[in-house]
N, C-alpha and C. Protein backbone atom coordinates (compact mmCIF):
# COMPACT_ATOMS: atom_id res chain seq x y z
N MET A 1 -5.02 14.25 26.47
CA MET A 1 -3.34 13.50 26.90
C MET A 1 -3.03 12.06 26.07
N MET A 2 -1.87 12.73 24.52
CA MET A 2 -1.64 11.39 23.85
C MET A 2 -0.63 10.31 24.95
N HIS A 3 -1.36 9.23 24.65
CA HIS A 3 -0.56 7.76 25.04
C HIS A 3 0.77 7.46 24.57
N MET A 4 1.96 7.21 25.53
CA MET A 4 2.76 7.49 24.48
C MET A 4 3.40 5.59 25.00
N THR A 5 2.60 4.65 26.02
CA THR A 5 2.33 3.42 25.52
C THR A 5 0.96 2.75 25.40
N PHE A 6 1.03 1.53 25.40
CA PHE A 6 -0.37 0.84 24.34
C PHE A 6 -1.04 0.89 25.64
N TYR A 7 -2.79 0.57 25.35
CA TYR A 7 -3.50 0.73 26.37
C TYR A 7 -4.73 0.74 25.05
N TRP A 8 -5.99 0.22 25.63
CA TRP A 8 -6.27 -0.38 25.20
C TRP A 8 -8.14 -0.16 25.45
N GLY A 9 -8.10 1.55 25.38
CA GLY A 9 -9.42 1.62 26.34
C GLY A 9 -10.00 1.48 24.78
N LYS A 10 -11.18 2.31 24.70
CA LYS A 10 -12.28 2.57 23.45
C LYS A 10 -12.38 3.74 23.12
N LYS A 11 -11.56 5.30 23.90
CA LYS A 11 -11.89 6.37 23.73
C LYS A 11 -10.42 6.83 23.37
N PHE A 12 -10.55 7.36 21.70
CA PHE A 12 -9.15 8.05 21.58
C PHE A 12 -9.54 8.32 19.79
N THR A 13 -8.69 9.21 19.96
CA THR A 13 -8.75 10.40 18.39
C THR A 13 -7.49 9.56 17.45
N LEU A 14 -8.01 9.15 16.25
CA LEU A 14 -7.15 8.65 15.16
C LEU A 14 -7.30 9.28 14.07
N LEU A 15 -6.16 10.03 13.92
CA LEU A 15 -5.25 10.77 12.50
C LEU A 15 -5.44 12.27 12.90
N ILE A 16 -7.05 12.43 13.17
CA ILE A 16 -7.72 14.37 12.58
C ILE A 16 -8.20 14.36 14.04
N ASP A 17 -8.42 15.37 14.38
CA ASP A 17 -9.43 15.71 15.84
C ASP A 17 -10.36 15.12 15.43
N SER A 18 -11.60 15.48 14.63
CA SER A 18 -12.67 14.77 14.06
C SER A 18 -13.07 13.29 14.32
N TRP A 19 -12.30 12.89 14.43
CA TRP A 19 -12.47 11.15 14.11
C TRP A 19 -11.97 11.16 15.57
N LYS A 20 -12.83 10.52 16.79
CA LYS A 20 -12.43 10.39 17.60
C LYS A 20 -13.81 9.07 17.80
N THR A 21 -13.34 8.70 18.94
CA THR A 21 -14.65 7.21 19.23
C THR A 21 -14.38 7.97 20.64
N ASP A 22 -16.07 7.31 20.62
CA ASP A 22 -16.38 7.49 22.32
C ASP A 22 -17.70 6.06 22.94
N SER A 23 -17.83 5.83 21.52
CA SER A 23 -18.59 4.50 21.80
C SER A 23 -18.32 2.94 21.28
N GLY A 24 -19.08 1.92 21.67
CA GLY A 24 -18.75 1.09 21.58
C GLY A 24 -18.78 -0.05 19.89
N THR A 25 -19.50 0.96 19.20
CA THR A 25 -20.03 1.40 17.86
C THR A 25 -18.74 2.07 17.04
N SER A 26 -18.73 3.10 17.64
CA SER A 26 -17.25 3.64 16.98
C SER A 26 -16.37 3.17 16.72
N TYR A 27 -16.05 2.57 18.23
CA TYR A 27 -14.29 1.94 17.91
C TYR A 27 -14.28 1.01 16.89
N VAL A 28 -15.64 0.18 17.36
CA VAL A 28 -15.76 -1.17 16.04
C VAL A 28 -15.61 -0.86 14.88
N LEU A 29 -15.83 -0.03 14.61
CA LEU A 29 -16.50 0.62 12.95
C LEU A 29 -14.52 1.33 12.45
N SER A 30 -13.86 1.86 13.30
CA SER A 30 -12.78 2.68 13.31
C SER A 30 -12.05 1.57 13.28
N LEU A 31 -11.82 0.23 13.87
CA LEU A 31 -11.35 -0.69 13.41
C LEU A 31 -11.43 -1.35 12.37
N LEU A 32 -12.13 -1.02 11.89
CA LEU A 32 -12.73 -2.17 10.57
C LEU A 32 -12.65 -1.64 9.52
N ALA A 33 -12.29 0.15 9.74
CA ALA A 33 -11.72 1.05 8.52
C ALA A 33 -10.35 0.42 8.40
N CYS A 34 -10.02 0.07 9.72
CA CYS A 34 -8.04 -0.02 9.78
C CYS A 34 -7.72 -0.70 9.16
N LEU A 35 -8.48 -1.99 9.45
CA LEU A 35 -8.31 -3.27 9.00
C LEU A 35 -8.52 -3.36 7.28
N VAL A 36 -9.84 -2.07 6.63
CA VAL A 36 -9.67 -2.28 5.37
C VAL A 36 -9.11 -1.95 4.66
N VAL A 37 -8.55 -0.37 5.08
CA VAL A 37 -7.45 0.51 4.93
C VAL A 37 -6.03 -0.56 4.46
N ALA A 38 -5.63 -1.55 5.84
CA ALA A 38 -4.28 -1.91 5.20
C ALA A 38 -4.63 -2.69 4.24
N ALA A 39 -6.02 -3.42 4.40
CA ALA A 39 -5.92 -5.13 3.27
C ALA A 39 -5.96 -4.24 2.08
N PHE A 40 -6.57 -2.76 1.89
CA PHE A 40 -5.82 -2.08 0.56
C PHE A 40 -5.10 -2.16 0.38
N TYR A 41 -3.64 -1.69 1.26
CA TYR A 41 -2.57 -1.26 1.11
C TYR A 41 -1.67 -2.03 0.26
N GLN A 42 -2.31 -3.51 1.01
CA GLN A 42 -1.51 -4.83 0.11
C GLN A 42 -1.97 -4.97 -1.41
N TYR A 43 -2.89 -4.70 -1.78
CA TYR A 43 -3.83 -4.38 -2.42
C TYR A 43 -2.98 -3.65 -3.89
N LEU A 44 -3.08 -2.66 -3.45
CA LEU A 44 -2.32 -1.76 -4.17
C LEU A 44 -1.34 -1.76 -4.92
N GLU A 45 -0.06 -2.15 -3.27
CA GLU A 45 1.10 -2.99 -3.35
C GLU A 45 0.94 -4.03 -4.56
N ASN A 46 -0.06 -4.88 -4.81
CA ASN A 46 0.16 -5.70 -5.27
C ASN A 46 -0.10 -5.54 -7.25
N ARG A 47 -1.09 -4.48 -7.14
CA ARG A 47 -0.89 -4.41 -8.62
C ARG A 47 0.07 -3.13 -9.31
N ARG A 48 1.12 -2.34 -7.83
CA ARG A 48 2.00 -1.76 -8.77
C ARG A 48 3.07 -3.17 -9.55
N ILE A 49 2.92 -4.42 -8.49
CA ILE A 49 4.24 -5.20 -8.28
C ILE A 49 3.63 -5.60 -9.88
N ARG A 50 2.36 -6.35 -10.01
CA ARG A 50 1.57 -6.90 -11.16
C ARG A 50 2.17 -5.27 -12.75
N LEU A 51 2.46 -4.15 -12.67
CA LEU A 51 2.53 -3.13 -13.35
C LEU A 51 3.67 -3.68 -13.55
N LYS A 52 5.25 -3.31 -12.82
CA LYS A 52 5.81 -3.75 -13.45
C LYS A 52 6.55 -4.62 -13.61
N ILE A 53 5.34 -6.07 -13.18
CA ILE A 53 5.97 -7.00 -14.43
C ILE A 53 5.83 -6.98 -15.91
N PHE A 54 4.86 -5.95 -15.87
CA PHE A 54 3.75 -6.24 -17.07
C PHE A 54 4.59 -5.11 -17.70
N ALA A 55 5.15 -4.08 -17.40
CA ALA A 55 6.44 -3.48 -17.88
C ALA A 55 7.46 -3.93 -18.41
N GLY A 56 7.99 -4.60 -17.63
CA GLY A 56 9.25 -5.51 -18.06
C GLY A 56 9.16 -6.30 -19.13
N GLU A 57 8.25 -7.64 -18.83
CA GLU A 57 7.94 -8.16 -19.81
C GLU A 57 7.97 -7.47 -21.79
N ARG A 58 6.91 -6.58 -21.42
CA ARG A 58 6.70 -6.01 -22.48
C ARG A 58 8.10 -5.03 -23.00
N ARG A 59 8.58 -4.51 -21.64
CA ARG A 59 9.97 -3.78 -22.51
C ARG A 59 11.35 -4.84 -22.85
N ALA A 60 10.64 -6.93 -22.68
CA ALA A 60 11.87 -7.47 -23.53
C ALA A 60 11.48 -7.77 -24.58
N SER A 61 10.03 -6.77 -24.84
CA SER A 61 9.87 -7.21 -26.98
C SER A 61 10.75 -7.29 -27.72
N PRO A 62 10.55 -7.85 -28.96
CA PRO A 62 11.59 -7.69 -29.81
C PRO A 62 11.19 -5.94 -30.77
N GLU A 63 10.13 -5.70 -30.41
CA GLU A 63 9.82 -4.19 -31.32
C GLU A 63 11.27 -4.22 -30.79
N ILE A 64 11.45 -3.42 -29.18
CA ILE A 64 12.16 -2.43 -28.78
C ILE A 64 13.35 -2.85 -28.48
N ARG A 65 13.85 -4.58 -28.89
CA ARG A 65 15.04 -4.36 -29.00
C ARG A 65 15.91 -4.79 -30.47
N THR A 66 14.85 -3.98 -31.55
CA THR A 66 15.33 -3.57 -33.43
C THR A 66 16.65 -2.98 -33.09
N SER A 67 16.53 -1.76 -33.78
CA SER A 67 17.76 -1.40 -33.73
C SER A 67 17.80 -0.10 -32.67
N LEU A 68 18.85 0.65 -33.05
CA LEU A 68 18.68 1.57 -32.45
C LEU A 68 18.32 3.58 -33.46
N LEU A 69 18.65 2.66 -34.89
CA LEU A 69 18.20 3.79 -35.28
C LEU A 69 16.19 3.87 -35.10
N ARG A 70 15.62 2.85 -35.24
CA ARG A 70 14.58 3.19 -35.64
C ARG A 70 13.74 3.69 -33.93
N TRP A 71 13.51 5.11 -34.45
CA TRP A 71 12.54 5.68 -33.34
C TRP A 71 11.03 5.43 -33.02
N ASN A 72 10.06 4.27 -31.86
CA ASN A 72 9.30 4.31 -32.36
C ASN A 72 8.70 5.24 -30.37
N VAL A 73 7.80 6.32 -31.24
CA VAL A 73 7.06 6.86 -30.98
C VAL A 73 5.98 6.62 -29.20
N ALA A 74 5.57 5.12 -29.98
CA ALA A 74 4.04 4.80 -29.60
C ALA A 74 5.23 4.03 -28.66
N GLY A 75 5.43 3.36 -28.46
CA GLY A 75 6.54 3.17 -27.61
C GLY A 75 6.75 3.98 -26.68
N ASP A 76 7.46 4.57 -26.70
CA ASP A 76 8.00 5.17 -25.63
C ASP A 76 7.19 6.12 -25.11
N LYS A 77 6.07 6.50 -25.45
CA LYS A 77 4.65 7.03 -24.69
C LYS A 77 4.18 6.21 -23.44
N ALA A 78 3.98 4.56 -24.53
CA ALA A 78 3.01 3.29 -23.64
C ALA A 78 4.19 3.69 -22.21
N ARG A 79 5.99 2.84 -22.40
CA ARG A 79 6.87 3.20 -21.10
C ARG A 79 6.50 4.00 -20.38
N LEU A 80 6.41 5.85 -20.92
CA LEU A 80 6.14 7.22 -19.86
C LEU A 80 4.42 6.71 -19.70
N GLY A 81 3.98 6.41 -20.35
CA GLY A 81 2.62 5.98 -19.43
C GLY A 81 2.63 5.42 -17.94
N VAL A 82 3.67 3.77 -18.21
CA VAL A 82 3.15 2.94 -17.31
C VAL A 82 4.28 3.44 -16.72
N LYS A 83 5.27 4.12 -16.41
CA LYS A 83 6.12 4.89 -15.39
C LYS A 83 5.41 5.47 -14.86
N LEU A 84 5.02 6.35 -15.23
CA LEU A 84 3.40 7.97 -14.65
C LEU A 84 2.75 6.78 -14.18
N ALA A 85 1.88 5.83 -14.28
CA ALA A 85 1.14 5.27 -13.51
C ALA A 85 1.91 4.11 -12.41
N GLU A 86 3.04 3.83 -12.32
CA GLU A 86 4.23 2.77 -11.57
C GLU A 86 4.58 4.32 -10.19
N ALA A 87 5.00 5.33 -10.85
CA ALA A 87 4.83 6.31 -9.87
C ALA A 87 3.78 6.94 -9.59
N VAL A 88 2.71 7.52 -9.05
CA VAL A 88 1.82 7.31 -8.81
C VAL A 88 0.78 6.01 -7.94
N LEU A 89 0.90 4.88 -8.69
CA LEU A 89 0.55 4.07 -7.77
C LEU A 89 1.32 4.24 -6.18
N PHE A 90 3.38 4.19 -6.55
CA PHE A 90 3.53 4.43 -5.13
C PHE A 90 3.88 5.69 -4.63
N GLY A 91 3.35 6.50 -4.93
CA GLY A 91 2.75 7.12 -4.33
C GLY A 91 1.51 7.37 -3.24
N VAL A 92 0.59 7.31 -3.90
CA VAL A 92 -0.87 6.28 -3.12
C VAL A 92 -0.55 5.42 -1.50
N ASN A 93 -0.20 4.44 -2.45
CA ASN A 93 1.01 3.48 -1.65
C ASN A 93 1.85 3.77 0.13
N SER A 94 2.24 4.99 -0.54
CA SER A 94 3.06 5.43 0.18
C SER A 94 2.77 6.14 1.31
N ALA A 95 1.49 7.17 0.64
CA ALA A 95 0.82 7.97 1.40
C ALA A 95 -0.07 6.82 2.03
N ILE A 96 -0.95 5.33 1.80
CA ILE A 96 -1.60 5.30 2.70
C ILE A 96 -0.68 4.34 4.23
N GLY A 97 0.34 3.93 3.33
CA GLY A 97 1.62 2.89 4.44
C GLY A 97 1.98 4.37 5.47
N TYR A 98 2.16 5.42 5.28
CA TYR A 98 2.49 6.23 6.20
C TYR A 98 0.73 7.14 7.64
N LEU A 99 -0.01 6.93 6.97
CA LEU A 99 -1.08 7.00 8.06
C LEU A 99 -0.98 6.02 8.27
N LEU A 100 -1.06 4.86 7.72
CA LEU A 100 -1.31 3.48 8.62
C LEU A 100 -0.30 3.48 9.51
N MET A 101 0.61 3.72 9.55
CA MET A 101 1.93 3.92 10.51
C MET A 101 1.55 4.73 11.53
N LEU A 102 1.03 6.40 10.89
CA LEU A 102 0.27 7.77 12.03
C LEU A 102 -0.76 7.16 12.92
N ALA A 103 -2.07 6.13 12.10
CA ALA A 103 -2.68 5.67 12.93
C ALA A 103 -2.18 4.53 14.07
N ILE A 104 -1.24 3.72 13.62
CA ILE A 104 -0.21 2.90 15.29
C ILE A 104 -0.51 3.74 15.71
N MET A 105 0.57 4.79 15.60
CA MET A 105 0.90 5.64 16.81
C MET A 105 -0.07 6.44 17.60
N SER A 106 -1.09 6.10 17.50
CA SER A 106 -2.03 6.35 18.39
C SER A 106 -2.08 5.80 19.92
N PHE A 107 -1.60 4.49 19.76
CA PHE A 107 -1.27 3.28 20.81
C PHE A 107 -2.82 3.11 20.92
N ASN A 108 -3.20 2.43 20.42
CA ASN A 108 -4.37 1.94 20.98
C ASN A 108 -3.51 0.45 20.36
N GLY A 109 -3.92 -0.55 21.32
CA GLY A 109 -3.98 -1.39 21.46
C GLY A 109 -5.25 -2.24 20.12
N GLY A 110 -6.24 -2.19 19.86
CA GLY A 110 -6.85 -2.22 19.20
C GLY A 110 -6.77 -1.93 17.80
N VAL A 111 -6.31 -1.03 17.41
CA VAL A 111 -5.94 0.21 16.30
C VAL A 111 -4.44 -1.18 16.25
N PHE A 112 -3.50 -1.39 16.85
CA PHE A 112 -2.58 -2.06 16.25
C PHE A 112 -3.17 -3.02 15.65
N LEU A 113 -3.71 -3.97 16.59
CA LEU A 113 -4.17 -5.30 15.87
C LEU A 113 -4.61 -4.90 15.15
N ALA A 114 -5.79 -4.04 14.33
CA ALA A 114 -6.94 -3.94 13.59
C ALA A 114 -5.73 -3.52 11.97
N ILE A 115 -4.47 -3.28 12.05
CA ILE A 115 -3.57 -2.90 11.28
C ILE A 115 -2.82 -3.54 10.81
N VAL A 116 -2.02 -4.91 12.18
CA VAL A 116 -1.79 -6.01 11.45
C VAL A 116 -2.41 -7.15 10.68
N LEU A 117 -3.74 -7.16 11.55
CA LEU A 117 -4.66 -8.31 11.13
C LEU A 117 -4.80 -7.69 9.60
N GLY A 118 -5.38 -6.43 9.14
CA GLY A 118 -5.69 -6.18 7.28
C GLY A 118 -4.27 -6.23 6.60
N LEU A 119 -3.49 -6.36 6.64
CA LEU A 119 -2.35 -5.95 6.45
C LEU A 119 -2.15 -7.76 6.06
N SER A 120 -1.87 -8.89 7.19
CA SER A 120 -1.86 -10.09 7.03
C SER A 120 -3.02 -10.38 6.42
N LEU A 121 -4.13 -9.77 6.03
CA LEU A 121 -5.37 -10.37 5.49
C LEU A 121 -5.21 -10.13 3.78
N GLY A 122 -5.00 -8.91 3.39
CA GLY A 122 -4.34 -8.31 2.93
C GLY A 122 -3.38 -9.11 1.89
N TYR A 123 -2.10 -9.75 2.79
CA TYR A 123 -0.81 -9.89 2.12
C TYR A 123 -1.47 -11.67 1.42
N PHE A 124 -2.51 -12.55 2.43
CA PHE A 124 -2.77 -13.58 2.16
C PHE A 124 -3.44 -13.35 0.39
N PHE A 125 -4.60 -12.83 0.21
CA PHE A 125 -5.71 -12.58 -0.70
C PHE A 125 -5.26 -11.90 -1.99
N PHE A 126 -4.45 -10.65 -1.40
CA PHE A 126 -4.01 -10.47 -3.52
C PHE A 126 -2.20 -10.01 -3.19
N ARG A 127 -1.11 -10.97 -2.42
CA ARG A 127 -0.03 -10.46 -3.01
C ARG A 127 0.27 -12.52 -3.36
N ASN A 128 0.72 -12.65 -4.37
CA ASN A 128 0.91 -13.96 -4.77
C ASN A 128 2.16 -14.31 -4.68
N GLU A 129 2.42 -15.75 -4.21
CA GLU A 129 3.60 -16.25 -3.80
C GLU A 129 4.56 -16.27 -5.38
N GLY A 130 6.27 -16.13 -5.25
CA GLY A 130 6.83 -16.20 -6.59
C GLY A 130 7.05 -15.44 -7.28
N GLU A 131 6.09 -14.02 -7.67
CA GLU A 131 6.45 -13.05 -8.87
C GLU A 131 6.06 -12.06 -8.49
N ASP A 132 6.51 -11.74 -6.89
CA ASP A 132 6.93 -10.56 -6.09
C ASP A 132 7.60 -11.08 -5.78
N SER A 133 8.83 -12.11 -5.11
CA SER A 133 9.80 -11.96 -4.13
C SER A 133 11.04 -11.89 -5.13
N ALA A 134 11.58 -11.21 -6.31
CA ALA A 134 12.21 -10.55 -6.21
C ALA A 134 12.10 -8.73 -6.57
N ILE A 135 10.76 -8.63 -7.02
CA ILE A 135 10.72 -7.09 -6.76
C ILE A 135 10.56 -6.32 -5.34
N ASP A 136 10.14 -7.27 -4.72
CA ASP A 136 9.33 -6.88 -3.26
C ASP A 136 10.76 -6.63 -2.32
N VAL A 137 12.22 -6.86 -2.30
CA VAL A 137 13.52 -6.93 -2.28
C VAL A 137 13.58 -5.08 -2.08
N ALA A 138 13.15 -4.71 -3.45
CA ALA A 138 14.05 -2.89 -3.15
C ALA A 138 12.48 -2.38 -3.01
N ASN A 139 11.83 -2.53 -2.10
CA ASN A 139 10.70 -1.84 -1.66
C ASN A 139 10.88 -1.35 -0.13
N SER A 140 10.92 0.02 -0.62
CA SER A 140 11.18 1.18 1.07
C SER A 140 10.75 1.48 1.94
N CYS A 141 9.52 0.33 1.56
CA CYS A 141 8.32 1.29 2.94
C CYS A 141 8.81 -0.11 3.95
N ALA A 142 8.23 0.65 4.48
CA ALA A 142 8.33 -1.12 6.32
C ALA A 142 6.96 -1.04 6.11
N CYS A 143 6.18 -0.35 5.79
CA CYS A 143 4.49 -1.59 5.81
C CYS A 143 4.54 -2.47 4.58
N ALA A 144 5.48 -3.10 3.85
CA ALA A 144 5.35 -4.12 2.88
C ALA A 144 5.83 -5.72 3.47
């Protein structure tokens, strides 16, 4: 039976049928896994923002702002590589965010607290103030 309200029991199923907790040890390890994945989500978001900042600085270089007739193949390939890396990081980060949301939908209070604590710790350790404030507004993920 799936709970539709928060409960605090140690027996629950997390994301897949084979991830069931039935003891205190498996419950604590599952909560620790949720915490680590939530902190990793913030780490990946930091990497994605830094890549976007790096690419923005690189686009503003004088070599790119030269004549329109000069075609820089190496620069175009580099920009394509950065854009592809940004897209992959966004996809992985979105997938992790949705999995965290689904884990919270187990309605276990411990899972909820572990994920919120992991997101908070990840934000504290991995996200720098100031550098991502302008870019963060455009983020469409609810977990950010």
